[in-house]
Amino acid sequence: MINGLANPADPAYNITEEVEEESDEHLFFFAWTNNTFSDPAGDGNIDNRSDAVNYNDTDANGLPVGLSTTWTTTDVSASGTFRVILKHQPNLKSATSTATMGESDVDLTFTLNVN
């Protein structure tokens, strides 16, 4: 992950290492519209933590992080939005912590086109 506000020579430019080192305090949440993914199906877990997201990484407590995820698009063309929130949740991150808990380090929405 890149911090576009920092100079590329500044250690704060690439925040991936910080998220990895503090993985027990960070969690990515995702949302998408228009059923653009067949796996995971649904609309993401920003609105409901228990909704499916294919996390490939975990912290020392076995909880998801989200630096690595897996997505399969539908077989049809679709467009919509894709939102990513990175929450900083020191002493809050748990199996049930939500996107409303902690501070948002990143909150971005992209236009998504599946062709």
N, C-alpha and C. Protein backbone atom coordinates (compact mmCIF):
# COMPACT_ATOMS: atom_id res chain seq x y z
N MET A 1 0.85 -1.17 0.00
CA MET A 1 0.00 0.00 0.00
C MET A 1 0.89 1.23 0.00
N ILE A 2 0.50 2.20 -0.77
CA ILE A 2 1.28 3.41 -0.94
C ILE A 2 0.54 4.60 -0.33
N ASN A 3 1.27 5.41 0.43
CA ASN A 3 0.76 6.66 0.97
C ASN A 3 1.15 7.76 -0.01
N GLY A 4 0.25 8.16 -0.88
CA GLY A 4 0.53 9.13 -1.91
C GLY A 4 0.84 10.52 -1.38
N LEU A 5 0.59 10.77 -0.09
CA LEU A 5 0.88 12.07 0.50
C LEU A 5 2.34 12.18 0.93
N ALA A 6 3.03 11.04 1.01
CA ALA A 6 4.42 11.03 1.45
C ALA A 6 5.37 11.00 0.25
N ASN A 7 6.58 11.46 0.46
CA ASN A 7 7.63 11.41 -0.54
C ASN A 7 8.05 9.95 -0.72
N PRO A 8 8.28 9.49 -1.96
CA PRO A 8 8.69 8.09 -2.16
C PRO A 8 9.93 7.67 -1.39
N ALA A 9 10.79 8.60 -1.01
CA ALA A 9 11.99 8.26 -0.23
C ALA A 9 11.69 8.15 1.27
N ASP A 10 10.52 8.60 1.69
CA ASP A 10 10.12 8.58 3.10
C ASP A 10 9.64 7.19 3.48
N PRO A 11 10.04 6.67 4.65
CA PRO A 11 9.56 5.35 5.09
C PRO A 11 8.03 5.27 5.21
N ALA A 12 7.35 6.41 5.36
CA ALA A 12 5.89 6.41 5.45
C ALA A 12 5.21 6.25 4.10
N TYR A 13 5.99 6.23 3.01
CA TYR A 13 5.43 6.10 1.67
C TYR A 13 4.77 4.74 1.45
N ASN A 14 5.47 3.67 1.81
CA ASN A 14 4.93 2.32 1.66
C ASN A 14 4.47 1.85 3.03
N ILE A 15 3.14 1.78 3.21
CA ILE A 15 2.61 1.43 4.54
C ILE A 15 2.36 -0.07 4.71
N THR A 16 2.66 -0.86 3.69
CA THR A 16 2.44 -2.30 3.79
C THR A 16 3.19 -2.90 4.96
N GLU A 17 4.44 -2.51 5.13
CA GLU A 17 5.25 -3.06 6.22
C GLU A 17 4.65 -2.74 7.58
N GLU A 18 4.16 -1.52 7.76
CA GLU A 18 3.53 -1.13 9.03
C GLU A 18 2.29 -1.97 9.30
N VAL A 19 1.47 -2.17 8.28
CA VAL A 19 0.26 -2.98 8.44
C VAL A 19 0.64 -4.42 8.79
N GLU A 20 1.66 -4.96 8.14
CA GLU A 20 2.12 -6.32 8.45
C GLU A 20 2.63 -6.41 9.89
N GLU A 21 3.45 -5.44 10.30
CA GLU A 21 4.02 -5.47 11.64
C GLU A 21 2.96 -5.29 12.72
N GLU A 22 1.93 -4.52 12.42
CA GLU A 22 0.85 -4.28 13.37
C GLU A 22 -0.44 -4.96 12.91
N SER A 23 -0.30 -6.15 12.35
CA SER A 23 -1.46 -6.84 11.78
C SER A 23 -2.53 -7.14 12.82
N ASP A 24 -2.14 -7.28 14.09
CA ASP A 24 -3.13 -7.53 15.13
C ASP A 24 -3.97 -6.29 15.43
N GLU A 25 -3.62 -5.15 14.82
CA GLU A 25 -4.35 -3.90 15.02
C GLU A 25 -5.01 -3.39 13.74
N HIS A 26 -4.83 -4.10 12.62
CA HIS A 26 -5.35 -3.64 11.33
C HIS A 26 -6.27 -4.67 10.70
N LEU A 27 -7.29 -4.17 10.02
CA LEU A 27 -8.21 -5.04 9.30
C LEU A 27 -8.80 -4.29 8.11
N PHE A 28 -8.72 -4.91 6.95
CA PHE A 28 -9.35 -4.37 5.74
C PHE A 28 -10.79 -4.87 5.67
N PHE A 29 -11.67 -3.96 5.30
CA PHE A 29 -13.07 -4.29 5.01
C PHE A 29 -13.33 -3.92 3.56
N PHE A 30 -14.26 -4.65 2.93
CA PHE A 30 -14.52 -4.46 1.50
C PHE A 30 -16.02 -4.43 1.24
N ALA A 31 -16.42 -3.67 0.22
CA ALA A 31 -17.81 -3.67 -0.25
C ALA A 31 -17.81 -3.47 -1.76
N TRP A 32 -18.81 -4.06 -2.41
CA TRP A 32 -18.95 -3.91 -3.85
C TRP A 32 -20.42 -3.95 -4.20
N THR A 33 -20.72 -3.43 -5.37
CA THR A 33 -22.11 -3.36 -5.81
C THR A 33 -22.33 -4.24 -7.03
N ASN A 34 -23.58 -4.48 -7.34
CA ASN A 34 -24.04 -5.13 -8.59
C ASN A 34 -23.53 -6.56 -8.79
N ASN A 35 -23.30 -7.28 -7.71
CA ASN A 35 -22.91 -8.69 -7.80
C ASN A 35 -21.74 -8.91 -8.77
N THR A 36 -20.74 -8.07 -8.69
CA THR A 36 -19.61 -8.16 -9.62
C THR A 36 -18.70 -9.35 -9.35
N PHE A 37 -18.82 -9.96 -8.19
CA PHE A 37 -18.00 -11.13 -7.87
C PHE A 37 -18.88 -12.34 -7.66
N SER A 38 -18.42 -13.48 -8.19
CA SER A 38 -19.11 -14.74 -7.92
C SER A 38 -18.52 -15.40 -6.68
N ASP A 39 -17.27 -15.07 -6.36
CA ASP A 39 -16.63 -15.60 -5.16
C ASP A 39 -15.65 -14.57 -4.63
N PRO A 40 -15.94 -13.95 -3.52
CA PRO A 40 -17.10 -14.20 -2.66
C PRO A 40 -18.36 -13.54 -3.23
N ALA A 41 -19.46 -14.18 -3.01
CA ALA A 41 -20.75 -13.64 -3.43
C ALA A 41 -21.19 -12.61 -2.40
N GLY A 42 -22.21 -11.85 -2.75
CA GLY A 42 -22.75 -10.88 -1.80
C GLY A 42 -22.32 -9.47 -2.13
N ASP A 43 -22.17 -8.67 -1.06
CA ASP A 43 -21.81 -7.27 -1.25
C ASP A 43 -20.67 -6.82 -0.34
N GLY A 44 -19.97 -7.76 0.25
CA GLY A 44 -18.83 -7.43 1.10
C GLY A 44 -19.18 -7.36 2.57
N ASN A 45 -18.17 -7.00 3.38
CA ASN A 45 -18.37 -7.06 4.83
C ASN A 45 -18.29 -5.71 5.53
N ILE A 46 -18.37 -4.61 4.79
CA ILE A 46 -18.39 -3.31 5.45
C ILE A 46 -19.67 -3.16 6.26
N ASP A 47 -20.78 -3.57 5.68
CA ASP A 47 -22.07 -3.44 6.38
C ASP A 47 -22.33 -4.56 7.37
N ASN A 48 -21.69 -5.71 7.18
CA ASN A 48 -21.92 -6.85 8.06
C ASN A 48 -20.65 -7.69 8.10
N ARG A 49 -19.93 -7.65 9.20
CA ARG A 49 -18.62 -8.31 9.32
C ARG A 49 -18.66 -9.79 8.95
N SER A 50 -19.78 -10.45 9.21
CA SER A 50 -19.84 -11.90 8.95
C SER A 50 -20.05 -12.23 7.47
N ASP A 51 -20.29 -11.22 6.62
CA ASP A 51 -20.43 -11.49 5.19
C ASP A 51 -19.09 -11.94 4.60
N ALA A 52 -19.16 -12.71 3.56
CA ALA A 52 -17.98 -13.37 3.00
C ALA A 52 -17.00 -12.41 2.34
N VAL A 53 -15.72 -12.60 2.68
CA VAL A 53 -14.57 -12.01 2.00
C VAL A 53 -13.49 -13.08 2.04
N ASN A 54 -12.78 -13.29 0.95
CA ASN A 54 -11.75 -14.33 0.89
C ASN A 54 -10.39 -13.78 1.32
N TYR A 55 -10.19 -13.72 2.64
CA TYR A 55 -8.91 -13.28 3.18
C TYR A 55 -7.90 -14.41 3.04
N ASN A 56 -6.68 -14.07 2.63
CA ASN A 56 -5.61 -15.06 2.50
C ASN A 56 -4.55 -14.92 3.58
N ASP A 57 -4.68 -13.91 4.43
CA ASP A 57 -3.67 -13.69 5.47
C ASP A 57 -4.35 -13.49 6.83
N THR A 58 -3.60 -13.83 7.88
CA THR A 58 -4.10 -13.68 9.24
C THR A 58 -3.02 -13.09 10.13
N ASP A 59 -3.46 -12.54 11.26
CA ASP A 59 -2.52 -12.03 12.24
C ASP A 59 -2.13 -13.14 13.21
N ALA A 60 -1.35 -12.82 14.22
CA ALA A 60 -0.87 -13.82 15.19
C ALA A 60 -2.02 -14.45 15.99
N ASN A 61 -3.17 -13.81 16.00
CA ASN A 61 -4.34 -14.33 16.71
C ASN A 61 -5.27 -15.13 15.80
N GLY A 62 -4.86 -15.31 14.55
CA GLY A 62 -5.68 -16.07 13.61
C GLY A 62 -6.82 -15.27 13.01
N LEU A 63 -6.79 -13.94 13.18
CA LEU A 63 -7.84 -13.08 12.62
C LEU A 63 -7.39 -12.55 11.26
N PRO A 64 -8.31 -12.30 10.34
CA PRO A 64 -7.94 -11.84 9.01
C PRO A 64 -7.31 -10.46 9.05
N VAL A 65 -6.49 -10.17 8.01
CA VAL A 65 -5.88 -8.86 7.86
C VAL A 65 -6.42 -8.21 6.58
N GLY A 66 -6.16 -8.82 5.43
CA GLY A 66 -6.69 -8.31 4.17
C GLY A 66 -5.67 -7.73 3.22
N LEU A 67 -4.38 -7.83 3.54
CA LEU A 67 -3.37 -7.41 2.57
C LEU A 67 -3.37 -8.34 1.36
N SER A 68 -3.81 -9.58 1.57
CA SER A 68 -3.93 -10.55 0.49
C SER A 68 -5.34 -11.13 0.51
N THR A 69 -6.03 -11.02 -0.62
CA THR A 69 -7.39 -11.54 -0.76
C THR A 69 -7.53 -12.19 -2.12
N THR A 70 -8.60 -12.96 -2.30
CA THR A 70 -8.86 -13.63 -3.57
C THR A 70 -10.27 -13.26 -4.04
N TRP A 71 -10.38 -12.93 -5.33
CA TRP A 71 -11.65 -12.50 -5.92
C TRP A 71 -11.86 -13.22 -7.24
N THR A 72 -13.09 -13.65 -7.52
CA THR A 72 -13.47 -14.22 -8.81
C THR A 72 -14.63 -13.39 -9.34
N THR A 73 -14.46 -12.84 -10.54
CA THR A 73 -15.52 -12.03 -11.12
C THR A 73 -16.59 -12.92 -11.74
N THR A 74 -17.74 -12.33 -11.97
CA THR A 74 -18.83 -13.06 -12.60
C THR A 74 -18.49 -13.30 -14.07
N ASP A 75 -19.26 -14.15 -14.71
CA ASP A 75 -19.04 -14.47 -16.12
C ASP A 75 -19.66 -13.47 -17.07
N VAL A 76 -20.34 -12.48 -16.53
CA VAL A 76 -20.99 -11.48 -17.38
C VAL A 76 -20.37 -10.12 -17.12
N SER A 77 -20.52 -9.23 -18.08
CA SER A 77 -20.03 -7.86 -17.89
C SER A 77 -20.87 -7.18 -16.82
N ALA A 78 -20.19 -6.44 -15.98
CA ALA A 78 -20.88 -5.72 -14.92
C ALA A 78 -20.05 -4.50 -14.55
N SER A 79 -20.71 -3.53 -13.98
CA SER A 79 -19.98 -2.37 -13.46
C SER A 79 -20.64 -1.96 -12.16
N GLY A 80 -19.85 -1.31 -11.34
CA GLY A 80 -20.34 -0.87 -10.05
C GLY A 80 -19.24 -0.16 -9.31
N THR A 81 -19.27 -0.26 -8.00
CA THR A 81 -18.23 0.35 -7.18
C THR A 81 -17.58 -0.70 -6.30
N PHE A 82 -16.36 -0.41 -5.90
CA PHE A 82 -15.59 -1.28 -5.01
C PHE A 82 -14.99 -0.38 -3.94
N ARG A 83 -15.30 -0.66 -2.69
CA ARG A 83 -14.82 0.17 -1.59
C ARG A 83 -13.90 -0.65 -0.70
N VAL A 84 -12.80 0.00 -0.26
CA VAL A 84 -11.83 -0.61 0.63
C VAL A 84 -11.65 0.32 1.83
N ILE A 85 -11.80 -0.24 3.02
CA ILE A 85 -11.53 0.50 4.25
C ILE A 85 -10.48 -0.27 5.04
N LEU A 86 -9.42 0.42 5.43
CA LEU A 86 -8.43 -0.15 6.33
C LEU A 86 -8.65 0.49 7.69
N LYS A 87 -9.02 -0.33 8.65
CA LYS A 87 -9.26 0.17 10.00
C LYS A 87 -8.07 -0.14 10.89
N HIS A 88 -7.72 0.84 11.71
CA HIS A 88 -6.72 0.67 12.75
C HIS A 88 -7.50 0.45 14.03
N GLN A 89 -7.38 -0.76 14.60
CA GLN A 89 -8.21 -1.17 15.73
C GLN A 89 -7.39 -1.69 16.91
N PRO A 90 -6.47 -0.87 17.45
CA PRO A 90 -5.71 -1.34 18.61
C PRO A 90 -6.64 -1.63 19.79
N ASN A 91 -6.47 -2.79 20.39
CA ASN A 91 -7.29 -3.25 21.51
C ASN A 91 -8.77 -3.37 21.16
N LEU A 92 -9.10 -3.35 19.88
CA LEU A 92 -10.49 -3.48 19.43
C LEU A 92 -10.69 -4.65 18.48
N LYS A 93 -9.66 -5.00 17.72
CA LYS A 93 -9.79 -6.02 16.69
C LYS A 93 -10.13 -7.36 17.34
N SER A 94 -11.21 -7.94 16.82
CA SER A 94 -11.66 -9.25 17.32
C SER A 94 -12.39 -9.95 16.18
N ALA A 95 -12.90 -11.12 16.45
CA ALA A 95 -13.65 -11.88 15.44
C ALA A 95 -14.95 -11.18 15.08
N THR A 96 -15.38 -10.22 15.90
CA THR A 96 -16.65 -9.53 15.63
C THR A 96 -16.49 -8.02 15.46
N SER A 97 -15.25 -7.50 15.46
CA SER A 97 -15.09 -6.05 15.28
C SER A 97 -15.60 -5.66 13.90
N THR A 98 -16.10 -4.44 13.82
CA THR A 98 -16.77 -3.99 12.60
C THR A 98 -16.03 -2.82 11.95
N ALA A 99 -16.51 -2.43 10.79
CA ALA A 99 -15.92 -1.31 10.05
C ALA A 99 -16.20 0.03 10.71
N THR A 100 -17.04 0.06 11.72
CA THR A 100 -17.32 1.30 12.44
C THR A 100 -16.41 1.48 13.64
N MET A 101 -15.60 0.49 13.95
CA MET A 101 -14.75 0.53 15.13
C MET A 101 -13.33 0.95 14.76
N GLY A 102 -12.72 1.78 15.58
CA GLY A 102 -11.35 2.22 15.36
C GLY A 102 -11.27 3.38 14.39
N GLU A 103 -10.04 3.69 13.99
CA GLU A 103 -9.80 4.80 13.08
C GLU A 103 -9.60 4.27 11.66
N SER A 104 -10.09 5.01 10.68
CA SER A 104 -9.89 4.63 9.28
C SER A 104 -8.54 5.16 8.81
N ASP A 105 -7.64 4.26 8.43
CA ASP A 105 -6.36 4.64 7.83
C ASP A 105 -6.55 4.88 6.34
N VAL A 106 -7.46 4.12 5.73
CA VAL A 106 -7.75 4.24 4.29
C VAL A 106 -9.24 4.04 4.12
N ASP A 107 -9.85 4.83 3.26
CA ASP A 107 -11.25 4.65 2.89
C ASP A 107 -11.39 5.14 1.45
N LEU A 108 -11.36 4.21 0.51
CA LEU A 108 -11.36 4.53 -0.91
C LEU A 108 -12.50 3.81 -1.63
N THR A 109 -13.08 4.48 -2.60
CA THR A 109 -14.10 3.86 -3.45
C THR A 109 -13.65 3.99 -4.90
N PHE A 110 -13.68 2.88 -5.61
CA PHE A 110 -13.27 2.83 -7.01
C PHE A 110 -14.46 2.46 -7.88
N THR A 111 -14.42 2.89 -9.14
CA THR A 111 -15.36 2.38 -10.14
C THR A 111 -14.81 1.03 -10.59
N LEU A 112 -15.68 0.05 -10.68
CA LEU A 112 -15.28 -1.31 -11.04
C LEU A 112 -16.01 -1.71 -12.31
N ASN A 113 -15.27 -2.12 -13.32
CA ASN A 113 -15.84 -2.60 -14.58
C ASN A 113 -15.33 -3.99 -14.86
N VAL A 114 -16.25 -4.93 -15.01
CA VAL A 114 -15.91 -6.31 -15.35
C VAL A 114 -16.32 -6.51 -16.80
N ASN A 115 -15.33 -6.86 -17.61
CA ASN A 115 -15.58 -7.06 -19.04
C ASN A 115 -15.38 -8.52 -19.42
